[in-house]
Protein backbone atom coordinates (compact mmCIF):
# COMPACT_ATOMS: atom_id res chain seq x y z
CA MET A 1 -4.03 27.38 21.42
CA ARG A 2 -7.20 28.86 20.01
CA PRO A 3 -10.30 29.86 21.92
CA PRO A 4 -12.63 26.88 22.43
CA ALA A 5 -15.88 26.76 20.51
CA SER A 6 -19.09 28.17 21.91
CA PRO A 7 -21.39 25.71 23.70
CA GLY A 8 -23.82 23.75 21.56
CA PRO A 9 -23.53 21.63 18.41
CA VAL A 10 -20.96 22.66 15.82
CA GLY A 11 -22.71 23.65 12.59
CA VAL A 12 -21.12 21.80 9.66
CA ALA A 13 -21.31 22.19 5.90
CA ILE A 14 -20.22 19.32 3.65
CA LEU A 15 -18.84 20.38 0.27
CA GLY A 16 -18.82 17.49 -2.18
CA VAL A 17 -20.74 14.22 -1.85
CA GLY A 18 -19.18 12.25 -4.68
CA HIS A 19 -16.79 9.40 -3.87
CA TRP A 20 -15.67 10.22 -0.30
CA GLY A 21 -18.05 12.95 0.82
CA PRO A 22 -20.92 10.60 1.77
CA ASN A 23 -18.62 8.88 4.28
CA LEU A 24 -17.76 12.22 5.85
CA LEU A 25 -21.42 13.21 5.89
CA ARG A 26 -22.37 9.99 7.67
CA ASN A 27 -19.69 10.34 10.34
CA PHE A 28 -20.46 13.96 11.15
CA ARG A 29 -24.17 13.23 11.15
CA GLU A 30 -23.63 10.50 13.75
CA ASP A 31 -21.58 12.76 16.05
CA HIS A 32 -23.96 14.29 18.63
CA ARG A 33 -21.68 17.35 18.90
CA THR A 34 -22.34 18.40 15.31
CA ARG A 35 -25.29 19.48 13.22
CA ILE A 36 -25.19 19.16 9.42
CA LEU A 37 -26.62 22.42 8.10
CA TRP A 38 -25.64 22.39 4.43
CA VAL A 39 -24.59 19.93 1.74
CA ILE A 40 -23.08 21.51 -1.35
CA ASP A 41 -22.60 19.75 -4.69
CA ARG A 42 -22.95 20.68 -8.36
CA ASP A 43 -24.59 17.34 -9.17
CA SER A 44 -28.36 17.56 -8.70
CA ASP A 45 -28.73 13.76 -8.53
CA ARG A 46 -26.34 13.61 -5.59
CA LEU A 47 -28.24 16.35 -3.82
CA ALA A 48 -31.50 14.53 -4.42
CA HIS A 49 -30.03 11.41 -2.81
CA VAL A 50 -28.92 13.44 0.22
CA ALA A 51 -32.39 15.01 0.49
CA GLU A 52 -33.96 11.56 0.55
CA ARG A 53 -31.59 10.16 3.16
CA TYR A 54 -31.09 13.25 5.33
CA PRO A 55 -34.31 15.29 5.34
CA GLY A 56 -33.98 18.76 6.75
CA VAL A 57 -30.44 19.38 5.54
CA ARG A 58 -30.18 22.44 3.30
CA LEU A 59 -28.90 21.79 -0.21
CA SER A 60 -27.18 24.01 -2.74
CA ASP A 61 -24.82 23.98 -5.70
CA SER A 62 -23.08 27.15 -4.45
CA PRO A 63 -20.42 27.13 -1.70
CA ALA A 64 -21.39 30.71 -0.87
CA SER A 65 -24.67 29.41 0.56
CA ALA A 66 -22.74 27.74 3.37
CA PHE A 67 -19.96 30.30 3.74
CA ASP A 68 -22.49 33.13 4.17
CA ASP A 69 -24.44 31.29 6.87
CA PRO A 70 -23.28 32.47 10.32
CA ALA A 71 -24.59 29.24 11.87
CA VAL A 72 -21.96 27.26 9.96
CA ALA A 73 -18.81 26.96 12.07
CA ALA A 74 -16.97 24.31 10.05
CA ALA A 75 -16.59 23.45 6.37
CA VAL A 76 -15.67 19.92 5.26
CA ILE A 77 -14.24 19.96 1.74
CA ALA A 78 -14.33 16.71 -0.25
CA THR A 79 -14.23 18.07 -3.79
CA PRO A 80 -11.64 17.34 -6.53
CA ALA A 81 -8.06 18.06 -5.43
CA SER A 82 -7.61 20.95 -7.84
CA THR A 83 -10.44 22.86 -6.07
CA HIS A 84 -9.22 22.42 -2.49
CA PHE A 85 -7.19 25.62 -2.28
CA ASP A 86 -9.85 27.98 -3.62
CA LEU A 87 -12.63 26.52 -1.48
CA ALA A 88 -10.54 26.35 1.70
CA ARG A 89 -9.33 29.91 1.17
CA LEU A 90 -12.93 31.13 0.86
CA ALA A 91 -14.03 29.11 3.89
CA LEU A 92 -11.24 30.46 6.09
CA ALA A 93 -11.92 34.00 4.88
CA ALA A 94 -15.53 33.49 6.00
CA GLY A 95 -14.33 32.47 9.47
CA LYS A 96 -15.00 28.74 9.13
CA HIS A 97 -12.88 25.95 10.57
CA CYS A 98 -11.83 23.61 7.76
CA LEU A 99 -11.31 19.91 7.20
CA VAL A 100 -9.88 19.52 3.71
CA GLU A 101 -9.50 16.15 2.04
CA LYS A 102 -5.95 15.30 0.98
CA PRO A 103 -4.05 16.88 -0.58
CA LEU A 104 -4.37 20.18 1.25
CA ALA A 105 -3.48 21.92 -2.02
CA THR A 106 -1.65 21.07 -5.23
CA SER A 107 1.26 23.45 -4.59
CA ALA A 108 3.36 24.21 -1.56
CA ALA A 109 2.80 27.94 -1.98
CA ALA A 110 -0.98 27.46 -1.87
CA ALA A 111 -0.75 25.11 1.12
CA GLN A 112 1.47 27.58 2.95
CA GLU A 113 -1.08 30.34 2.38
CA LEU A 114 -3.86 28.23 3.88
CA VAL A 115 -1.77 27.33 6.92
CA ARG A 116 -0.85 30.99 7.46
CA THR A 117 -4.43 32.18 6.99
CA ALA A 118 -5.81 29.65 9.46
CA ALA A 119 -3.18 30.54 12.06
CA GLU A 120 -3.80 34.28 11.72
CA ALA A 121 -7.56 33.77 11.99
CA ARG A 122 -7.12 31.30 14.87
CA LEU A 123 -9.12 28.67 13.02
CA THR A 124 -8.68 24.91 12.93
CA LEU A 125 -7.26 23.59 9.65
CA ALA A 126 -7.29 19.80 9.38
CA VAL A 127 -6.42 17.59 6.40
CA GLY A 128 -7.81 14.18 5.50
CA HIS A 129 -4.67 12.12 6.07
CA VAL A 130 -6.91 9.36 7.36
CA PHE A 131 -4.18 6.73 7.77
CA LEU A 132 -2.74 8.71 10.68
CA TYR A 133 -5.86 7.54 12.51
CA ASN A 134 -5.37 3.89 11.54
CA PRO A 135 -4.73 1.87 14.75
CA ALA A 136 -2.01 -0.23 13.09
CA ILE A 137 -0.16 2.89 11.94
CA ARG A 138 -0.51 4.36 15.46
CA GLN A 139 0.83 1.12 17.01
CA ALA A 140 3.84 1.15 14.69
CA LYS A 141 4.53 4.72 15.80
CA ALA A 142 4.48 3.53 19.41
CA TYR A 143 6.94 0.74 18.57
CA ILE A 144 9.29 3.34 17.06
CA ASP A 145 8.99 5.81 19.94
CA GLU A 146 9.33 3.13 22.63
CA GLY A 147 12.39 1.59 20.95
CA THR A 148 10.69 -1.77 20.40
CA ILE A 149 12.01 -2.10 16.84
CA GLY A 150 15.33 -0.46 17.63
CA LYS A 151 16.70 2.12 15.21
CA PRO A 152 14.40 2.45 12.18
CA TYR A 153 16.25 1.64 8.96
CA TYR A 154 13.72 1.83 6.16
CA ALA A 155 10.08 1.48 5.17
CA SER A 156 8.65 0.02 1.97
CA MET A 157 5.08 0.97 1.05
CA VAL A 158 2.84 -0.43 -1.68
CA ARG A 159 -0.58 1.05 -2.45
CA THR A 160 -2.30 -0.17 -5.62
CA ASN A 161 -5.70 -0.78 -7.15
CA LEU A 162 -7.37 -0.90 -10.53
CA GLY A 163 -8.45 2.76 -10.64
CA PRO A 164 -10.17 4.98 -10.04
CA PRO A 165 -7.99 7.41 -12.06
CA HIS A 166 -8.45 11.11 -11.36
CA ILE A 167 -8.97 13.68 -14.09
CA ASP A 168 -7.28 16.61 -12.34
CA VAL A 169 -4.20 15.18 -10.56
CA ASN A 170 -1.80 12.29 -11.01
CA VAL A 171 -1.35 9.28 -8.74
CA SER A 172 1.23 11.01 -6.53
CA TRP A 173 -1.32 13.57 -5.30
CA ASP A 174 -4.01 10.91 -4.91
CA LEU A 175 -2.21 7.96 -3.31
CA ALA A 176 1.40 8.81 -2.41
CA THR A 177 0.15 11.54 -0.05
CA HIS A 178 -1.03 8.76 2.27
CA ASP A 179 2.38 7.11 2.48
CA VAL A 180 4.34 10.35 2.81
CA SER A 181 2.07 11.43 5.67
CA ILE A 182 2.63 8.06 7.39
CA ALA A 183 6.42 8.22 7.03
CA ASN A 184 6.56 11.82 8.27
CA TYR A 185 4.42 10.85 11.26
CA TRP A 186 6.54 7.81 12.09
CA PHE A 187 9.90 9.54 11.77
CA GLY A 188 8.85 12.90 13.17
CA ALA A 189 10.30 14.86 10.26
CA PRO A 190 9.86 15.41 6.52
CA PRO A 191 12.26 13.83 4.01
CA ASN A 192 15.40 15.58 2.84
CA THR A 193 15.23 14.45 -0.78
CA ALA A 194 12.98 12.63 -3.25
CA SER A 195 13.68 10.77 -6.46
CA ALA A 196 10.97 9.19 -8.59
CA ARG A 197 9.99 7.71 -11.92
CA GLY A 198 6.42 7.39 -13.13
CA GLY A 199 4.44 6.00 -16.02
CA SER A 200 1.34 7.38 -17.72
CA TRP A 201 -0.39 4.66 -19.68
CA ILE A 202 -4.04 5.45 -18.93
CA ASP A 203 -3.86 9.16 -19.76
CA ARG A 204 -0.70 10.48 -21.38
CA GLY A 205 0.83 13.26 -19.34
CA ARG A 206 -0.79 12.20 -16.05
CA GLU A 207 1.12 9.50 -14.19
CA ASP A 208 -0.94 6.53 -13.06
CA THR A 209 2.00 4.58 -11.57
CA LEU A 210 4.87 5.86 -9.44
CA PHE A 211 8.03 4.50 -7.85
CA ALA A 212 9.65 6.95 -5.42
CA THR A 213 12.52 6.88 -2.95
CA LEU A 214 12.68 9.36 -0.08
CA THR A 215 15.69 9.98 2.17
CA TYR A 216 14.99 10.97 5.75
CA PRO A 217 17.22 12.26 8.56
CA ASP A 218 19.25 9.65 10.50
CA ASP A 219 20.00 7.64 7.35
CA ARG A 220 16.43 6.38 6.89
CA LEU A 221 14.97 5.41 3.54
CA VAL A 222 11.37 5.11 2.36
CA HIS A 223 10.35 3.46 -0.89
CA ILE A 224 6.85 4.09 -2.23
CA MET A 225 5.06 2.28 -5.05
CA VAL A 226 1.56 3.52 -5.93
CA SER A 227 -0.61 2.75 -8.93
CA TRP A 228 -4.10 3.03 -10.37
CA LEU A 229 -3.15 0.29 -12.84
CA SER A 230 -2.87 -2.96 -10.92
CA PRO A 231 -4.92 -6.18 -10.78
CA ARG A 232 -4.70 -6.25 -6.98
CA LYS A 233 -5.80 -3.83 -4.29
CA MET A 234 -2.86 -3.67 -1.93
CA ARG A 235 -2.05 -1.58 1.14
CA ASP A 236 1.15 -3.18 2.36
CA ILE A 237 3.87 -1.64 4.50
CA THR A 238 7.13 -3.12 5.77
CA LEU A 239 9.02 -1.24 8.48
CA VAL A 240 12.51 -2.52 9.26
CA GLY A 241 14.43 -1.67 12.42
CA SER A 242 17.69 -2.79 13.99
CA ARG A 243 15.90 -5.05 16.48
CA MET A 244 12.57 -5.97 14.93
CA MET A 245 10.49 -5.60 11.79
CA VAL A 246 6.82 -4.71 11.33
CA THR A 247 4.49 -5.65 8.49
CA ILE A 248 1.10 -4.04 7.99
CA ASP A 249 -1.54 -5.37 5.60
CA ASP A 250 -4.46 -2.96 5.74
CA MET A 251 -6.58 -5.34 3.66
CA ASN A 252 -6.37 -7.98 6.42
CA LEU A 253 -8.94 -6.74 8.89
CA ALA A 254 -8.50 -9.70 11.25
CA GLU A 255 -4.70 -9.49 11.59
CA PRO A 256 -3.51 -6.22 10.05
CA MET A 257 -0.11 -6.17 11.81
CA ARG A 258 2.72 -8.58 12.54
CA LEU A 259 5.80 -7.92 14.66
CA HIS A 260 8.78 -9.98 13.47
CA ASP A 261 11.72 -10.75 15.74
CA LYS A 262 14.02 -11.01 12.74
CA GLY A 263 17.22 -9.37 11.62
CA ILE A 264 20.88 -9.76 10.82
CA ASP A 265 23.17 -9.28 13.77
CA SER A 266 26.58 -7.90 12.86
CA ASP A 267 29.71 -7.52 14.94
CA THR A 268 32.04 -4.91 13.51
CA SER A 269 34.90 -6.31 15.59
CA LYS A 270 34.88 -9.52 13.56
CA PRO A 271 36.01 -10.05 9.94
CA PHE A 272 33.54 -9.52 7.11
CA ILE A 273 31.23 -12.50 6.58
CA ASP A 274 32.95 -14.58 3.94
CA SER A 275 30.96 -17.82 3.84
CA PHE A 276 27.36 -18.86 3.51
CA GLY A 277 27.58 -20.77 6.78
CA ALA A 278 28.84 -17.73 8.65
CA PHE A 279 26.14 -15.61 7.05
CA ARG A 280 23.42 -18.01 8.18
CA ALA A 281 24.80 -17.95 11.70
CA SER A 282 24.35 -14.16 11.79
CA ILE A 283 20.65 -14.27 10.93
CA ARG A 284 18.18 -13.87 13.77
CA ASP A 285 14.93 -15.61 12.88
CA GLY A 286 12.76 -15.37 15.97
CA GLU A 287 9.06 -15.52 16.62
CA ILE A 288 6.32 -13.59 14.86
CA ARG A 289 3.80 -11.88 17.09
CA VAL A 290 0.34 -10.76 16.02
CA PRO A 291 -0.59 -7.74 18.13
CA ARG A 292 -4.24 -7.29 18.91
CA ILE A 293 -5.36 -4.32 16.81
CA VAL A 294 -8.94 -3.11 17.12
CA MET A 295 -9.37 -1.43 13.75
CA GLY A 296 -12.61 0.52 14.15
CA GLU A 297 -13.13 3.20 11.50
CA PRO A 298 -10.16 5.57 11.05
CA LEU A 299 -12.37 8.13 9.33
CA ARG A 300 -14.59 8.34 12.40
CA ALA A 301 -11.52 9.03 14.54
CA GLU A 302 -10.40 11.69 12.06
CA CYS A 303 -13.78 13.45 12.16
CA GLN A 304 -13.91 13.26 15.95
CA ASP A 305 -10.41 14.72 16.22
CA PHE A 306 -11.45 17.63 14.00
CA ILE A 307 -14.44 18.42 16.22
CA ASP A 308 -12.34 17.91 19.37
CA SER A 309 -9.86 20.44 17.99
CA ILE A 310 -12.59 23.01 17.43
CA VAL A 311 -14.23 22.43 20.81
CA GLN A 312 -10.94 22.38 22.76
CA GLY A 313 -9.07 25.02 20.76
CA ARG A 314 -6.12 22.76 19.88
CA ASP A 315 -4.48 21.45 16.73
CA PRO A 316 -5.61 18.10 15.28
CA LEU A 317 -3.16 15.28 14.61
CA ALA A 318 -3.56 15.74 10.84
CA SER A 319 -3.16 19.52 10.97
CA GLY A 320 -2.53 21.87 8.10
CA ALA A 321 0.97 22.46 9.43
CA ALA A 322 1.65 18.70 9.34
CA ALA A 323 0.19 18.46 5.83
CA LEU A 324 2.39 21.22 4.40
CA PRO A 325 5.57 19.06 4.28
CA VAL A 326 3.54 16.35 2.53
CA VAL A 327 2.64 18.81 -0.24
CA ARG A 328 6.28 19.91 -0.50
CA THR A 329 7.34 16.26 -0.81
CA ILE A 330 4.83 15.52 -3.55
CA GLU A 331 6.05 18.61 -5.41
CA ALA A 332 9.62 17.27 -5.18
CA ILE A 333 8.46 13.86 -6.41
CA ASN A 334 6.84 15.49 -9.43
CA ARG A 335 9.95 17.58 -10.17
CA SER A 336 11.99 14.39 -10.05
CA MET A 337 9.65 12.62 -12.46
CA GLN A 338 9.88 15.57 -14.85
CA ASN A 339 13.67 15.34 -14.63
CA ARG A 340 13.81 11.58 -15.29
CA GLY A 341 14.43 10.52 -11.70
CA ARG A 342 16.90 13.19 -10.63
CA GLU A 343 17.16 13.53 -6.85
CA GLU A 344 15.37 16.68 -5.70
CA SER A 345 15.51 18.53 -2.39
CA VAL A 346 12.25 18.68 -0.48
């Protein structure tokens, strides 16, 4: 536990208002417990837009402007992935709590340094693994913990879209981080090994499509397919257990989750199934339930958890410590791709 924050609004600086930063800015602006003091960006047009929409907020192209301000208690970093480590390191050194967009860093060594620095300084370090705040993902976690689906066997995850490709990292750092964070959260542990193959058709040398297989403790498997090069935007997950199966379609806002009473019941005391009729008799094809999931805005919950952590002196759900195994897994995925799919230890 860390000491709780002092009374009064938490002073916040937003670093980066490109693709995702404006969403963070909006959510923190709407939280009565925070006060946006600075917005930092190197693009003058973006700063001009912020000035028009949020009068009174200080603007700068230099992170030092925010880090040197004693009224700033928290830095929210939504800059390109390759800059996360340097900016977070400077923010923590200046005594600021940090929310860093995923990935926390682009190497495990760098991520470990940030986690250690935050712990030593007794500062909150949160990471933008926003899907941990998705109500459907949280409900699936409850089904696992309560035993509703039985023993988890495997998960299959598909996350695709047509772009936008990144210029500083490949698709594993951009998209696969989401699915690794979900699987780690569900299973309560990082994977043991990773094997992966990727393709780089948009920009040679930087993978835009990835197929990865992760092995987890208790004989669990996770398959991940992510791509910037697809005609369809998909966020589909299938979670298979010994009793039930769960499907999540994050693009279906009305019915994002289904719980399937389906499976294949086996009796090890009987001979191996040797006919199609016997095989059919072993299939359990029960009802499909549509749980009521109130989606809300996961990013709002993420931002609120970050402020709660500062105010209450506790760790957030998407903490730096929880993000470190994600970075290690993505490193293993990239080693595997470099070695033509060889299985790598995480």
